[in-house]
Protein backbone atom coordinates (compact mmCIF):
# COMPACT_ATOMS: atom_id res chain seq x y z
CA MET A 1 -1.41 43.06 20.60
CA LYS A 2 0.01 41.62 23.77
CA TYR A 3 1.93 38.34 23.75
CA CYS A 4 4.42 36.51 25.60
CA VAL A 5 7.88 35.47 24.20
CA TYR A 6 9.14 31.83 24.47
CA ASN A 7 12.37 30.12 23.86
CA HIS A 8 12.04 27.01 21.62
CA ASN A 9 14.77 24.52 22.54
CA ILE A 10 15.59 21.12 21.17
CA ILE A 11 17.09 18.18 23.28
CA ASP A 12 18.91 15.68 21.19
CA ARG A 13 20.87 12.90 22.85
CA GLY A 14 20.93 14.73 26.18
CA ILE A 15 22.12 18.01 24.63
CA LEU A 16 20.15 21.12 24.90
CA SER A 17 20.32 23.60 22.14
CA HIS A 18 18.37 26.87 21.37
CA TYR A 19 16.30 26.63 18.18
CA ARG A 20 14.48 29.99 17.96
CA GLN A 21 12.17 32.42 19.89
CA PHE A 22 8.39 32.77 19.19
CA ARG A 23 5.59 34.98 20.40
CA GLU A 24 2.34 33.58 21.70
CA THR A 25 -0.87 35.64 21.89
CA ARG A 26 -3.62 35.35 24.44
CA ASP A 27 -5.49 33.12 22.18
CA GLY A 28 -2.62 30.74 22.02
CA ASP A 29 -1.57 31.59 18.40
CA GLN A 30 2.23 31.11 17.91
CA LEU A 31 3.90 33.61 15.83
CA PRO A 32 7.42 34.27 14.59
CA MET A 33 9.44 37.03 16.17
CA PHE A 34 9.76 38.66 12.67
CA PRO A 35 6.55 37.86 10.92
CA ASN A 36 7.70 38.36 7.34
CA ASN A 37 11.25 36.88 8.12
CA ARG A 38 12.77 40.44 7.93
CA ALA A 39 14.40 42.41 10.75
CA ILE A 40 15.49 45.94 10.59
CA ILE A 41 18.50 47.40 12.52
CA GLU A 42 18.53 51.15 12.95
CA ILE A 43 21.77 52.53 14.23
CA ASP A 44 22.29 56.15 15.43
CA LEU A 45 25.45 58.13 15.78
CA THR A 46 26.21 56.97 19.35
CA ASP A 47 26.21 53.29 18.24
CA ARG A 48 22.76 52.56 19.88
CA TYR A 49 20.54 50.30 18.05
CA LYS A 50 16.88 49.55 17.63
CA VAL A 51 15.71 46.30 16.03
CA ARG A 52 12.24 46.34 14.78
CA THR A 53 9.99 44.32 12.41
CA ALA A 54 9.01 45.34 8.94
CA ILE A 55 5.74 46.75 10.38
CA GLY A 56 7.60 49.03 12.82
CA GLU A 57 7.25 46.90 15.94
CA VAL A 58 10.30 47.46 18.23
CA LEU A 59 11.70 44.18 19.47
CA PHE A 60 15.02 45.15 20.94
CA ILE A 61 16.97 48.33 22.06
CA GLY A 62 20.67 48.39 23.09
CA THR A 63 24.20 49.21 22.31
CA GLY A 64 26.60 47.57 19.77
CA PHE A 65 26.01 46.25 16.34
CA ASP A 66 27.34 42.82 16.95
CA GLU A 67 24.83 42.63 20.03
CA ALA A 68 21.84 43.38 17.53
CA ILE A 69 23.05 40.68 15.11
CA ARG A 70 23.28 38.20 17.92
CA ARG A 71 19.93 38.91 19.33
CA ILE A 72 18.29 38.77 15.86
CA HIS A 73 19.93 35.25 15.09
CA TYR A 74 18.94 34.15 18.53
CA ALA A 75 15.33 35.11 18.08
CA GLN A 76 15.09 33.98 14.43
CA PRO A 77 18.19 32.49 12.96
CA ASP A 78 17.09 32.63 9.25
CA ALA A 79 15.66 36.23 9.37
CA GLU A 80 16.84 38.58 6.59
CA ILE A 81 18.69 41.56 8.05
CA GLU A 82 18.37 45.12 6.78
CA VAL A 83 20.53 47.94 8.25
CA ILE A 84 19.70 51.65 8.44
CA ALA A 85 22.63 53.74 9.20
CA ASN A 86 23.94 57.22 8.25
CA GLY A 87 20.58 57.63 6.33
CA ARG A 88 21.29 54.61 4.08
CA ARG A 89 19.29 51.32 3.93
CA LEU A 90 21.61 48.47 3.22
CA THR A 91 21.45 44.65 3.55
CA LEU A 92 23.79 43.08 6.17
CA GLU A 93 25.98 41.64 3.20
CA GLU A 94 26.29 45.17 1.63
CA LEU A 95 27.22 46.66 4.93
CA GLU A 96 29.87 44.16 5.61
CA PHE A 97 31.24 44.58 2.17
CA LEU A 98 31.47 48.34 2.53
CA ASN A 99 33.22 47.95 5.97
CA ASP A 100 35.75 45.48 4.42
CA GLU A 101 36.53 48.04 1.63
CA SER A 102 37.05 50.82 4.14
CA THR A 103 39.58 48.86 6.18
């Protein structure tokens, strides 16, 4: 399916703020970036990431875990995040807890 990505901004009392991003199909249907409100980050050994939807559609590719988180929150601030790293599937909270324990 082909679509365009738009930013949805809000202007309140003259202040512009970003709200979310959304996809729009050729038929004009507006869809969330992560249809089931779930983003999956896959991280490889070189610290490259791939952010995809639960149905496998890749939305972002880049380097740096923090960049992946920022891009997900920019696209859909309330999306649940799952992380796949070192062959393990974790929630973002579980990964942060493990990182806190190891430092």
